C-alpha atoms as a PDB file:
ATOM      1  CA  UNK A   1     -17.827  12.214 -28.300  1.00  0.00           C
ATOM      2  CA  UNK A   2     -15.519  10.222 -25.768  1.00  0.00           C
ATOM      3  CA  UNK A   3     -17.129   8.973 -22.878  1.00  0.00           C
ATOM      4  CA  UNK A   4     -16.323  10.658 -19.364  1.00  0.00           C
ATOM      5  CA  UNK A   5     -13.565   9.356 -17.468  1.00  0.00           C
ATOM      6  CA  UNK A   6     -14.110   7.094 -15.029  1.00  0.00           C
ATOM      7  CA  UNK A   7     -14.139   8.525 -11.469  1.00  0.00           C
ATOM      8  CA  UNK A   8     -13.165   6.264  -8.485  1.00  0.00           C
ATOM      9  CA  UNK A   9     -15.566   5.542  -5.979  1.00  0.00           C
ATOM     10  CA  UNK A  10     -15.700   7.296  -2.393  1.00  0.00           C
ATOM     11  CA  UNK A  11     -14.342   4.726  -0.025  1.00  0.00           C
ATOM     12  CA  UNK A  12     -11.355   3.288   1.422  1.00  0.00           C
ATOM     13  CA  UNK A  13      -8.602   1.947  -0.913  1.00  0.00           C
ATOM     14  CA  UNK A  14      -5.571   0.211   0.460  1.00  0.00           C
ATOM     15  CA  UNK A  15      -2.248   1.009  -0.355  1.00  0.00           C
ATOM     16  CA  UNK A  16      -1.258  -3.277  -0.390  1.00  0.00           C
ATOM     17  CA  UNK A  17       1.940  -4.052   0.139  1.00  0.00           C
ATOM     18  CA  UNK A  18       3.974  -5.900  -2.265  1.00  0.00           C
ATOM     19  CA  UNK A  19       4.674  -9.446  -1.223  1.00  0.00           C
ATOM     20  CA  UNK A  20       7.993 -11.171  -1.801  1.00  0.00           C
ATOM     21  CA  UNK A  21       8.933 -14.915  -1.617  1.00  0.00           C
ATOM     22  CA  UNK A  22      11.781 -16.393   0.876  1.00  0.00           C
ATOM     23  CA  UNK A  23      14.849 -14.956  -0.187  1.00  0.00           C
ATOM     24  CA  UNK A  24      17.080 -17.355  -2.075  1.00  0.00           C
ATOM     25  CA  UNK A  25      20.039 -18.923  -0.857  1.00  0.00           C
ATOM     26  CA  UNK A  26      22.440 -17.115  -2.943  1.00  0.00           C
ATOM     27  CA  UNK A  27      21.860 -13.728  -1.985  1.00  0.00           C
ATOM     28  CA  UNK A  28      19.507 -13.022  -5.579  1.00  0.00           C
ATOM     29  CA  UNK A  29      16.705 -10.651  -5.156  1.00  0.00           C
ATOM     30  CA  UNK A  30      13.644 -12.245  -3.525  1.00  0.00           C
ATOM     31  CA  UNK A  31      11.024 -13.354  -6.321  1.00  0.00           C
ATOM     32  CA  UNK A  32       7.595 -11.067  -6.363  1.00  0.00           C
ATOM     33  CA  UNK A  33       4.686 -13.561  -4.508  1.00  0.00           C
ATOM     34  CA  UNK A  34       1.784 -12.895  -6.827  1.00  0.00           C
ATOM     35  CA  UNK A  35      -0.468 -15.357  -5.190  1.00  0.00           C
ATOM     36  CA  UNK A  36       0.096 -13.881  -1.627  1.00  0.00           C
ATOM     37  CA  UNK A  37      -0.564 -10.111  -3.623  1.00  0.00           C
ATOM     38  CA  UNK A  38      -3.790 -12.195  -4.866  1.00  0.00           C
ATOM     39  CA  UNK A  39      -4.980 -13.867  -1.365  1.00  0.00           C
ATOM     40  CA  UNK A  40      -4.440 -10.308   0.299  1.00  0.00           C
ATOM     41  CA  UNK A  41      -6.592  -8.351  -2.289  1.00  0.00           C
ATOM     42  CA  UNK A  42      -9.646 -11.190  -2.150  1.00  0.00           C
ATOM     43  CA  UNK A  43      -9.111 -10.845   1.719  1.00  0.00           C
ATOM     44  CA  UNK A  44      -9.672  -6.994   1.660  1.00  0.00           C
ATOM     45  CA  UNK A  45     -12.278  -6.997  -0.817  1.00  0.00           C
ATOM     46  CA  UNK A  46     -14.300  -9.642   1.505  1.00  0.00           C
ATOM     47  CA  UNK A  47     -13.712  -7.449   4.123  1.00  0.00           C
ATOM     48  CA  UNK A  48     -15.741  -4.593   2.170  1.00  0.00           C
ATOM     49  CA  UNK A  49     -12.339  -2.608   0.992  1.00  0.00           C
ATOM     50  CA  UNK A  50     -13.163  -0.266  -1.515  1.00  0.00           C
ATOM     51  CA  UNK A  51     -10.697  -1.015  -4.358  1.00  0.00           C
ATOM     52  CA  UNK A  52      -6.874  -1.468  -3.999  1.00  0.00           C
ATOM     53  CA  UNK A  53      -3.737   0.384  -4.768  1.00  0.00           C
ATOM     54  CA  UNK A  54      -0.482  -1.805  -6.314  1.00  0.00           C
ATOM     55  CA  UNK A  55       2.734  -0.344  -6.693  1.00  0.00           C
ATOM     56  CA  UNK A  56       2.260   2.842  -4.307  1.00  0.00           C
ATOM     57  CA  UNK A  57       4.913   3.486  -2.279  1.00  0.00           C
ATOM     58  CA  UNK A  58       3.715   1.151   0.235  1.00  0.00           C
ATOM     59  CA  UNK A  59       3.606  -1.159  -2.450  1.00  0.00           C
ATOM     60  CA  UNK A  60       7.428  -0.689  -3.214  1.00  0.00           C
ATOM     61  CA  UNK A  61       6.991  -0.103  -6.387  1.00  0.00           C
ATOM     62  CA  UNK A  62      10.960   1.612  -7.139  1.00  0.00           C
ATOM     63  CA  UNK A  63      12.144  -2.140  -6.244  1.00  0.00           C
ATOM     64  CA  UNK A  64       9.889  -3.942  -8.982  1.00  0.00           C
ATOM     65  CA  UNK A  65      10.986  -4.567 -12.320  1.00  0.00           C
ATOM     66  CA  UNK A  66       8.524  -3.799 -15.438  1.00  0.00           C
ATOM     67  CA  UNK A  67       7.438  -7.312 -16.189  1.00  0.00           C
ATOM     68  CA  UNK A  68       7.310  -7.833 -12.224  1.00  0.00           C
ATOM     69  CA  UNK A  69       4.641  -4.824 -11.974  1.00  0.00           C
ATOM     70  CA  UNK A  70       2.903  -5.884 -14.979  1.00  0.00           C
ATOM     71  CA  UNK A  71       2.250  -9.245 -13.549  1.00  0.00           C
ATOM     72  CA  UNK A  72       1.308  -8.202 -10.206  1.00  0.00           C
ATOM     73  CA  UNK A  73      -1.401  -5.693 -11.681  1.00  0.00           C
ATOM     74  CA  UNK A  74      -2.867  -8.747 -13.720  1.00  0.00           C
ATOM     75  CA  UNK A  75      -2.610 -11.196 -11.439  1.00  0.00           C
ATOM     76  CA  UNK A  76      -4.771  -9.311  -9.082  1.00  0.00           C
ATOM     77  CA  UNK A  77      -7.153  -7.951 -11.443  1.00  0.00           C
ATOM     78  CA  UNK A  78      -7.842 -11.695 -12.378  1.00  0.00           C
ATOM     79  CA  UNK A  79      -8.032 -12.772  -8.353  1.00  0.00           C
ATOM     80  CA  UNK A  80     -10.638  -9.819  -7.668  1.00  0.00           C
ATOM     81  CA  UNK A  81     -12.264 -10.023 -10.783  1.00  0.00           C
ATOM     82  CA  UNK A  82     -13.303  -7.396 -13.451  1.00  0.00           C
ATOM     83  CA  UNK A  83     -15.240  -4.900 -11.360  1.00  0.00           C
ATOM     84  CA  UNK A  84     -13.276  -4.404  -8.416  1.00  0.00           C
ATOM     85  CA  UNK A  85     -12.134  -0.786  -8.211  1.00  0.00           C
ATOM     86  CA  UNK A  86      -8.093  -1.165  -9.026  1.00  0.00           C
ATOM     87  CA  UNK A  87      -5.619   1.890  -8.995  1.00  0.00           C
ATOM     88  CA  UNK A  88      -2.204   1.595 -10.030  1.00  0.00           C
ATOM     89  CA  UNK A  89       0.889   4.103  -8.336  1.00  0.00           C
ATOM     90  CA  UNK A  90       3.127   5.409 -11.122  1.00  0.00           C
ATOM     91  CA  UNK A  91       6.797   6.626 -10.493  1.00  0.00           C
ATOM     92  CA  UNK A  92       7.667   9.735 -12.612  1.00  0.00           C
ATOM     93  CA  UNK A  93      11.907  10.043 -12.249  1.00  0.00           C
ATOM     94  CA  UNK A  94      12.146   8.553 -15.478  1.00  0.00           C
ATOM     95  CA  UNK A  95      10.807  11.624 -17.165  1.00  0.00           C
ATOM     96  CA  UNK A  96       7.175  12.118 -19.231  1.00  0.00           C
ATOM     97  CA  UNK A  97       7.897   9.126 -21.716  1.00  0.00           C
ATOM     98  CA  UNK A  98       8.730   6.447 -19.081  1.00  0.00           C
ATOM     99  CA  UNK A  99       5.439   8.076 -17.346  1.00  0.00           C
ATOM    100  CA  UNK A 100       3.005   7.279 -19.486  1.00  0.00           C
ATOM    101  CA  UNK A 101       4.727   4.398 -20.940  1.00  0.00           C
ATOM    102  CA  UNK A 102       4.242   2.981 -17.079  1.00  0.00           C
ATOM    103  CA  UNK A 103       1.050   4.291 -17.561  1.00  0.00           C
ATOM    104  CA  UNK A 104       0.584   2.011 -20.313  1.00  0.00           C
ATOM    105  CA  UNK A 105       1.205  -1.017 -18.580  1.00  0.00           C
ATOM    106  CA  UNK A 106      -0.803  -0.891 -16.074  1.00  0.00           C
ATOM    107  CA  UNK A 107      -3.675  -0.180 -18.005  1.00  0.00           C
ATOM    108  CA  UNK A 108      -3.266  -3.596 -20.105  1.00  0.00           C
ATOM    109  CA  UNK A 109      -2.747  -5.640 -17.014  1.00  0.00           C
ATOM    110  CA  UNK A 110      -6.070  -4.432 -15.397  1.00  0.00           C
ATOM    111  CA  UNK A 111      -5.550  -0.648 -13.885  1.00  0.00           C
ATOM    112  CA  UNK A 112      -8.352   1.420 -13.667  1.00  0.00           C
ATOM    113  CA  UNK A 113      -6.615   4.369 -12.880  1.00  0.00           C
ATOM    114  CA  UNK A 114      -3.109   5.917 -12.444  1.00  0.00           C
ATOM    115  CA  UNK A 115      -1.900   7.385  -9.297  1.00  0.00           C
ATOM    116  CA  UNK A 116       0.694   9.185 -10.859  1.00  0.00           C
ATOM    117  CA  UNK A 117       3.633  11.053  -8.612  1.00  0.00           C
ATOM    118  CA  UNK A 118       4.198  14.376  -8.687  1.00  0.00           C
ATOM    119  CA  UNK A 119       7.655  15.010 -10.572  1.00  0.00           C
ATOM    120  CA  UNK A 120      10.247  15.654  -7.728  1.00  0.00           C
ATOM    121  CA  UNK A 121      14.014  15.542  -8.914  1.00  0.00           C
ATOM    122  CA  UNK A 122      14.206  19.493  -9.091  1.00  0.00           C
ATOM    123  CA  UNK A 123      12.454  19.921  -5.941  1.00  0.00           C
ATOM    124  CA  UNK A 124      11.231  23.915  -5.876  1.00  0.00           C
ATOM    125  CA  UNK A 125      12.147  24.651  -8.857  1.00  0.00           C
ATOM    126  CA  UNK A 126       8.734  23.600 -10.407  1.00  0.00           C
ATOM    127  CA  UNK A 127       6.629  25.946 -10.494  1.00  0.00           C
ATOM    128  CA  UNK A 128       2.950  25.402  -9.523  1.00  0.00           C
ATOM    129  CA  UNK A 129       1.877  26.401 -12.937  1.00  0.00           C
ATOM    130  CA  UNK A 130       4.814  23.743 -14.384  1.00  0.00           C
ATOM    131  CA  UNK A 131       3.132  20.875 -12.577  1.00  0.00           C
ATOM    132  CA  UNK A 132      -0.464  21.540 -14.165  1.00  0.00           C
ATOM    133  CA  UNK A 133       1.161  21.926 -17.483  1.00  0.00           C
ATOM    134  CA  UNK A 134       3.098  18.853 -16.844  1.00  0.00           C
ATOM    135  CA  UNK A 135      -0.155  16.563 -15.180  1.00  0.00           C
ATOM    136  CA  UNK A 136      -2.081  17.860 -18.244  1.00  0.00           C
ATOM    137  CA  UNK A 137       0.218  16.241 -21.016  1.00  0.00           C
ATOM    138  CA  UNK A 138       0.252  13.165 -18.881  1.00  0.00           C
ATOM    139  CA  UNK A 139      -3.070  13.223 -18.901  1.00  0.00           C
ATOM    140  CA  UNK A 140      -3.660  14.065 -22.305  1.00  0.00           C
ATOM    141  CA  UNK A 141      -1.743  11.065 -23.281  1.00  0.00           C
ATOM    142  CA  UNK A 142      -2.673   8.415 -20.158  1.00  0.00           C
ATOM    143  CA  UNK A 143      -4.705   5.521 -21.400  1.00  0.00           C
ATOM    144  CA  UNK A 144      -6.519   5.683 -18.197  1.00  0.00           C
ATOM    145  CA  UNK A 145      -7.798   8.299 -16.081  1.00  0.00           C
ATOM    146  CA  UNK A 146      -5.362   9.675 -13.517  1.00  0.00           C
ATOM    147  CA  UNK A 147      -4.959  10.996 -10.077  1.00  0.00           C
ATOM    148  CA  UNK A 148      -2.357  13.155  -8.365  1.00  0.00           C
ATOM    149  CA  UNK A 149      -0.094  11.731  -5.878  1.00  0.00           C
ATOM    150  CA  UNK A 150       1.176  14.343  -3.596  1.00  0.00           C
ATOM    151  CA  UNK A 151       3.457  12.897  -1.211  1.00  0.00           C
ATOM    152  CA  UNK A 152       6.325  15.301  -0.178  1.00  0.00           C
ATOM    153  CA  UNK A 153       8.293  13.003   1.427  1.00  0.00           C
ATOM    154  CA  UNK A 154       9.579  10.890  -1.603  1.00  0.00           C
ATOM    155  CA  UNK A 155       9.020  13.807  -3.895  1.00  0.00           C
ATOM    156  CA  UNK A 156      12.126  16.206  -2.876  1.00  0.00           C
ATOM    157  CA  UNK A 157       9.713  18.455  -0.920  1.00  0.00           C
ATOM    158  CA  UNK A 158       7.302  19.204  -3.982  1.00  0.00           C
ATOM    159  CA  UNK A 159       4.093  20.143  -2.858  1.00  0.00           C
ATOM    160  CA  UNK A 160       1.046  21.102  -5.016  1.00  0.00           C
ATOM    161  CA  UNK A 161      -0.834  24.124  -3.354  1.00  0.00           C
ATOM    162  CA  UNK A 162      -4.423  23.974  -3.174  1.00  0.00           C
ATOM    163  CA  UNK A 163      -5.046  26.834  -5.561  1.00  0.00           C
ATOM    164  CA  UNK A 164      -3.340  24.736  -8.315  1.00  0.00           C
ATOM    165  CA  UNK A 165      -6.435  21.773  -8.000  1.00  0.00           C
ATOM    166  CA  UNK A 166      -8.803  23.756  -9.874  1.00  0.00           C
ATOM    167  CA  UNK A 167      -6.694  23.807 -12.744  1.00  0.00           C
ATOM    168  CA  UNK A 168      -5.662  20.326 -12.618  1.00  0.00           C
ATOM    169  CA  UNK A 169      -9.268  19.434 -11.956  1.00  0.00           C
ATOM    170  CA  UNK A 170     -10.638  20.989 -14.478  1.00  0.00           C
ATOM    171  CA  UNK A 171      -8.601  18.644 -16.789  1.00  0.00           C
ATOM    172  CA  UNK A 172     -11.116  15.563 -18.197  1.00  0.00           C
ATOM    173  CA  UNK A 173      -8.618  12.585 -17.302  1.00  0.00           C
ATOM    174  CA  UNK A 174      -7.537  13.800 -14.265  1.00  0.00           C
ATOM    175  CA  UNK A 175     -10.061  12.348 -11.760  1.00  0.00           C
ATOM    176  CA  UNK A 176      -8.765  13.274  -8.045  1.00  0.00           C
ATOM    177  CA  UNK A 177      -5.910  13.089  -5.808  1.00  0.00           C
ATOM    178  CA  UNK A 178      -4.208  11.818  -2.973  1.00  0.00           C
ATOM    179  CA  UNK A 179      -2.576  13.914  -0.523  1.00  0.00           C
ATOM    180  CA  UNK A 180      -0.052  11.949   1.423  1.00  0.00           C
ATOM    181  CA  UNK A 181       0.763  15.048   4.153  1.00  0.00           C
ATOM    182  CA  UNK A 182      -0.746  16.165   7.333  1.00  0.00           C
ATOM    183  CA  UNK A 183      -1.741  19.597   6.087  1.00  0.00           C
ATOM    184  CA  UNK A 184      -5.628  18.759   6.979  1.00  0.00           C
ATOM    185  CA  UNK A 185      -6.350  22.701   5.662  1.00  0.00           C
ATOM    186  CA  UNK A 186      -5.183  21.307   1.951  1.00  0.00           C
ATOM    187  CA  UNK A 187      -7.289  18.834   2.337  1.00  0.00           C
ATOM    188  CA  UNK A 188     -10.825  20.651   3.465  1.00  0.00           C
ATOM    189  CA  UNK A 189      -9.614  23.558   0.954  1.00  0.00           C
ATOM    190  CA  UNK A 190      -9.553  21.158  -1.931  1.00  0.00           C
ATOM    191  CA  UNK A 191     -12.541  19.267  -0.615  1.00  0.00           C
ATOM    192  CA  UNK A 192     -15.264  22.284  -0.522  1.00  0.00           C
ATOM    193  CA  UNK A 193     -13.475  24.742  -3.570  1.00  0.00           C
ATOM    194  CA  UNK A 194     -16.583  26.081  -5.165  1.00  0.00           C
ATOM    195  CA  UNK A 195     -14.431  25.881  -8.318  1.00  0.00           C
ATOM    196  CA  UNK A 196     -14.367  22.323  -8.260  1.00  0.00           C
ATOM    197  CA  UNK A 197     -17.161  19.646 -10.040  1.00  0.00           C
ATOM    198  CA  UNK A 198     -16.447  17.113  -7.008  1.00  0.00           C
ATOM    199  CA  UNK A 199     -18.581  14.447  -8.737  1.00  0.00           C
ATOM    200  CA  UNK A 200     -15.292  14.379 -11.144  1.00  0.00           C
ATOM    201  CA  UNK A 201     -12.698  14.763  -8.818  1.00  0.00           C
ATOM    202  CA  UNK A 202     -11.989  12.913  -5.545  1.00  0.00           C
ATOM    203  CA  UNK A 203     -10.043  13.844  -2.836  1.00  0.00           C
ATOM    204  CA  UNK A 204      -8.276  11.207  -0.786  1.00  0.00           C
ATOM    205  CA  UNK A 205      -5.756  11.348   2.362  1.00  0.00           C
ATOM    206  CA  UNK A 206      -3.163   9.291   2.918  1.00  0.00           C
ATOM    207  CA  UNK A 207      -3.780   9.112   6.501  1.00  0.00           C
ATOM    208  CA  UNK A 208      -5.925   6.845   8.171  1.00  0.00           C
ATOM    209  CA  UNK A 209      -5.911   9.345  11.332  1.00  0.00           C
ATOM    210  CA  UNK A 210      -7.537  12.502   9.032  1.00  0.00           C
ATOM    211  CA  UNK A 211     -10.875   9.945   7.565  1.00  0.00           C
ATOM    212  CA  UNK A 212     -13.174  11.725   9.907  1.00  0.00           C
ATOM    213  CA  UNK A 213     -12.009  14.769   9.566  1.00  0.00           C
ATOM    214  CA  UNK A 214     -11.853  15.001   6.383  1.00  0.00           C
ATOM    215  CA  UNK A 215     -14.423  13.276   4.889  1.00  0.00           C
ATOM    216  CA  UNK A 216     -17.164  15.230   7.397  1.00  0.00           C
ATOM    217  CA  UNK A 217     -15.745  18.264   4.966  1.00  0.00           C
ATOM    218  CA  UNK A 218     -16.332  16.794   1.828  1.00  0.00           C
ATOM    219  CA  UNK A 219     -13.191  14.131   0.997  1.00  0.00           C
ATOM    220  CA  UNK A 220     -13.607  10.917  -0.975  1.00  0.00           C
ATOM    221  CA  UNK A 221     -12.015   8.706   1.484  1.00  0.00           C
ATOM    222  CA  UNK A 222      -8.642   7.282   2.175  1.00  0.00           C
ATOM    223  CA  UNK A 223      -5.855   5.479   1.010  1.00  0.00           C
ATOM    224  CA  UNK A 224      -4.752   3.767   4.031  1.00  0.00           C
ATOM    225  CA  UNK A 225      -1.652   1.392   4.942  1.00  0.00           C
ATOM    226  CA  UNK A 226      -3.199   0.325   8.259  1.00  0.00           C
ATOM    227  CA  UNK A 227      -6.337  -1.010   6.921  1.00  0.00           C
ATOM    228  CA  UNK A 228      -4.049  -3.614   5.188  1.00  0.00           C
ATOM    229  CA  UNK A 229      -4.282  -5.572   8.348  1.00  0.00           C
ATOM    230  CA  UNK A 230      -7.431  -3.889  10.402  1.00  0.00           C
ATOM    231  CA  UNK A 231      -9.878  -3.222   7.087  1.00  0.00           C
ATOM    232  CA  UNK A 232     -13.322  -3.760   8.671  1.00  0.00           C
ATOM    233  CA  UNK A 233     -12.464  -0.945  11.447  1.00  0.00           C
ATOM    234  CA  UNK A 234     -11.774   1.669   8.803  1.00  0.00           C
ATOM    235  CA  UNK A 235     -14.591   0.872   6.731  1.00  0.00           C
ATOM    236  CA  UNK A 236     -16.868   1.132   9.168  1.00  0.00           C
ATOM    237  CA  UNK A 237     -15.412   4.776  10.515  1.00  0.00           C
ATOM    238  CA  UNK A 238     -16.135   5.507   6.692  1.00  0.00           C
ATOM    239  CA  UNK A 239     -19.789   4.297   6.286  1.00  0.00           C
ATOM    240  CA  UNK A 240     -20.401   6.453   9.139  1.00  0.00           C
ATOM    241  CA  UNK A 241     -18.606   9.569   8.447  1.00  0.00           C
ATOM    242  CA  UNK A 242     -20.149   9.386   4.595  1.00  0.00           C
ATOM    243  CA  UNK A 243     -23.557   9.003   6.508  1.00  0.00           C
ATOM    244  CA  UNK A 244     -22.927  11.910   8.952  1.00  0.00           C
ATOM    245  CA  UNK A 245     -21.857  13.866   5.629  1.00  0.00           C
ATOM    246  CA  UNK A 246     -24.768  13.450   3.855  1.00  0.00           C
ATOM    247  CA  UNK A 247     -27.196  16.484   4.504  1.00  0.00           C
ATOM    248  CA  UNK A 248     -30.209  14.749   2.486  1.00  0.00           C
ATOM    249  CA  UNK A 249     -29.438  11.604   5.292  1.00  0.00           C
ATOM    250  CA  UNK A 250     -31.876  11.441   7.887  1.00  0.00           C
ATOM    251  CA  UNK A 251     -31.007   8.357   9.373  1.00  0.00           C
ATOM    252  CA  UNK A 252     -27.403   9.781  10.497  1.00  0.00           C
ATOM    253  CA  UNK A 253     -28.314  11.365  13.703  1.00  0.00           C
ATOM    254  CA  UNK A 254     -26.765   9.823  17.180  1.00  0.00           C
ATOM    255  CA  UNK A 255     -23.673   8.521  15.336  1.00  0.00           C
ATOM    256  CA  UNK A 256     -21.364  11.038  16.260  1.00  0.00           C
ATOM    257  CA  UNK A 257     -20.221   9.450  19.439  1.00  0.00           C
ATOM    258  CA  UNK A 258     -19.376   6.451  17.185  1.00  0.00           C
ATOM    259  CA  UNK A 259     -17.583   8.150  14.837  1.00  0.00           C
ATOM    260  CA  UNK A 260     -15.469   9.959  17.536  1.00  0.00           C
ATOM    261  CA  UNK A 261     -15.331   6.467  19.410  1.00  0.00           C
ATOM    262  CA  UNK A 262     -13.841   4.471  16.064  1.00  0.00           C
ATOM    263  CA  UNK A 263     -11.737   7.655  15.148  1.00  0.00           C
ATOM    264  CA  UNK A 264     -10.266   7.436  18.127  1.00  0.00           C
ATOM    265  CA  UNK A 265      -9.676   3.441  17.726  1.00  0.00           C
ATOM    266  CA  UNK A 266      -8.271   4.282  14.130  1.00  0.00           C
ATOM    267  CA  UNK A 267      -5.814   7.177  15.539  1.00  0.00           C
ATOM    268  CA  UNK A 268      -4.481   5.082  18.242  1.00  0.00           C
ATOM    269  CA  UNK A 269      -3.530   1.939  15.594  1.00  0.00           C
ATOM    270  CA  UNK A 270      -2.280   4.590  12.975  1.00  0.00           C
ATOM    271  CA  UNK A 271       0.784   5.220  15.562  1.00  0.00           C
ATOM    272  CA  UNK A 272       2.202   1.774  14.897  1.00  0.00           C
ATOM    273  CA  UNK A 273       2.465   2.551  11.338  1.00  0.00           C
ATOM    274  CA  UNK A 274       4.074   5.753  12.041  1.00  0.00           C
ATOM    275  CA  UNK A 275       6.247   4.221  14.379  1.00  0.00           C
ATOM    276  CA  UNK A 276       7.177   0.941  12.336  1.00  0.00           C
ATOM    277  CA  UNK A 277       6.521   1.758   8.701  1.00  0.00           C
ATOM    278  CA  UNK A 278       6.614  -0.795   5.840  1.00  0.00           C
ATOM    279  CA  UNK A 279       8.346  -3.053   7.751  1.00  0.00           C
ATOM    280  CA  UNK A 280       5.785  -3.020  10.301  1.00  0.00           C
ATOM    281  CA  UNK A 281       3.347  -3.333   8.228  1.00  0.00           C
ATOM    282  CA  UNK A 282       4.169  -6.041   6.327  1.00  0.00           C
ATOM    283  CA  UNK A 283       4.678  -7.852   9.471  1.00  0.00           C
ATOM    284  CA  UNK A 284       1.485  -7.106  11.101  1.00  0.00           C
ATOM    285  CA  UNK A 285      -0.329  -8.645   7.454  1.00  0.00           C
ATOM    286  CA  UNK A 286       1.443 -11.588   8.485  1.00  0.00           C
ATOM    287  CA  UNK A 287       0.615 -11.837  12.116  1.00  0.00           C
ATOM    288  CA  UNK A 288      -3.035 -10.715  11.820  1.00  0.00           C
ATOM    289  CA  UNK A 289      -3.230 -12.491   8.474  1.00  0.00           C
ATOM    290  CA  UNK A 290      -1.265 -15.439   7.788  1.00  0.00           C
ATOM    291  CA  UNK A 291      -0.275 -13.887   4.305  1.00  0.00           C
ATOM    292  CA  UNK A 292       2.586 -13.207   3.494  1.00  0.00           C
ATOM    293  CA  UNK A 293       6.160 -13.769   5.443  1.00  0.00           C
ATOM    294  CA  UNK A 294       8.450 -12.621   8.083  1.00  0.00           C
ATOM    295  CA  UNK A 295      12.011 -11.068   6.867  1.00  0.00           C
ATOM    296  CA  UNK A 296      11.305 -11.399   2.998  1.00  0.00           C
ATOM    297  CA  UNK A 297      11.525  -8.068   0.667  1.00  0.00           C
ATOM    298  CA  UNK A 298      14.189  -6.388  -1.115  1.00  0.00           C
ATOM    299  CA  UNK A 299      16.614  -3.793  -0.157  1.00  0.00           C
ATOM    300  CA  UNK A 300      16.903  -1.555   1.527  1.00  0.00           C
ATOM    301  CA  UNK A 301      13.631  -2.433   3.275  1.00  0.00           C
ATOM    302  CA  UNK A 302      14.048  -5.877   4.663  1.00  0.00           C
ATOM    303  CA  UNK A 303      14.114  -7.435   7.879  1.00  0.00           C
ATOM    304  CA  UNK A 304      11.148  -7.443  10.830  1.00  0.00           C
ATOM    305  CA  UNK A 305      10.397  -6.251  14.074  1.00  0.00           C
ATOM    306  CA  UNK A 306      12.662  -6.889  17.180  1.00  0.00           C
ATOM    307  CA  UNK A 307      12.151  -9.520  19.671  1.00  0.00           C
ATOM    308  CA  UNK A 308       9.339  -8.675  21.751  1.00  0.00           C
ATOM    309  CA  UNK A 309       8.531  -5.706  19.622  1.00  0.00           C
ATOM    310  CA  UNK A 310       5.116  -7.024  17.874  1.00  0.00           C
ATOM    311  CA  UNK A 311       3.876  -7.301  21.448  1.00  0.00           C
ATOM    312  CA  UNK A 312       4.770  -3.949  23.178  1.00  0.00           C
ATOM    313  CA  UNK A 313       3.262  -2.583  20.068  1.00  0.00           C
ATOM    314  CA  UNK A 314       0.034  -4.883  20.181  1.00  0.00           C
ATOM    315  CA  UNK A 315      -0.563  -3.213  23.666  1.00  0.00           C
ATOM    316  CA  UNK A 316      -0.146   0.043  23.285  1.00  0.00           C
ATOM    317  CA  UNK A 317      -1.734   0.734  19.668  1.00  0.00           C
ATOM    318  CA  UNK A 318      -3.473  -2.443  18.401  1.00  0.00           C
ATOM    319  CA  UNK A 319      -5.273  -3.336  21.623  1.00  0.00           C
ATOM    320  CA  UNK A 320      -8.469  -1.242  20.957  1.00  0.00           C
ATOM    321  CA  UNK A 321      -8.923  -2.045  17.125  1.00  0.00           C
ATOM    322  CA  UNK A 322      -8.357  -5.971  17.591  1.00  0.00           C
ATOM    323  CA  UNK A 323     -11.365  -5.852  19.839  1.00  0.00           C
ATOM    324  CA  UNK A 324     -13.113  -3.566  17.184  1.00  0.00           C
ATOM    325  CA  UNK A 325     -12.288  -5.656  14.480  1.00  0.00           C
ATOM    326  CA  UNK A 326     -13.331  -9.054  16.110  1.00  0.00           C
ATOM    327  CA  UNK A 327     -16.712  -7.172  16.727  1.00  0.00           C
ATOM    328  CA  UNK A 328     -17.905  -6.426  13.192  1.00  0.00           C
END
């Protein structure tokens, strides 16, 4: 009998931006900076981040070639060591065969799980039963366990509904989901659904703004971009929320006020990501950690914040989390 599929741990995962070297003078695409990617991954691991997601939406997987994807995952795996949790995003626009090829590549390079984007080319023409059947086909053939990645904003508004998740969760090689949408009710319904074995199927949000509320109601954690530059505060909030959600933890009393304070600090800082997106994340990583570079990347996601915008944003959104981060 095959051993059960490995389930990702509860906690904070970071969808890492992909680092690029300075653009060549001849206008050719900037090369992937694997050394910077490894340095950032090690920084996150040392800060207490549970695991890393490479090649996600924040990781610009759409901009990378197949050899670049493999080199990136292999480099980070070598840098963080064999036991550190590593997910790899998987784009699905090429169809089932390309999806499985992608999964085989990242598995061979060292990824533990594939975070498989919902197939969205045909949008709402894909029924819920068809989505479940498609994911089952992928999971049947994948060499590593997969998670369902539901991000309607990049998949033609395809939304996996709460009633579909028990079918998905029943597959032995589907071990969780990431919901990158703001519907907290969907998170809570899936996290609490008695038809799902929650020891074998993890629910993650793509938004740190939702961490406290969803973890208190059974979710496994977040896959959060802001934690790429202020990881310790998000890790601390996660630890307190998990402790408060544990009915057997008698030492969690008194933490409610600190959970509320940290959730405010995190939610305020997340407004930076909402306003400035991927370019803002990459600039913040460079300014806070010194890893990476300004004004590099691949079209159309290139550039930096306008002059003076960082100082303005720092005052509006990041001043509280800077103080909290420094205290941890």
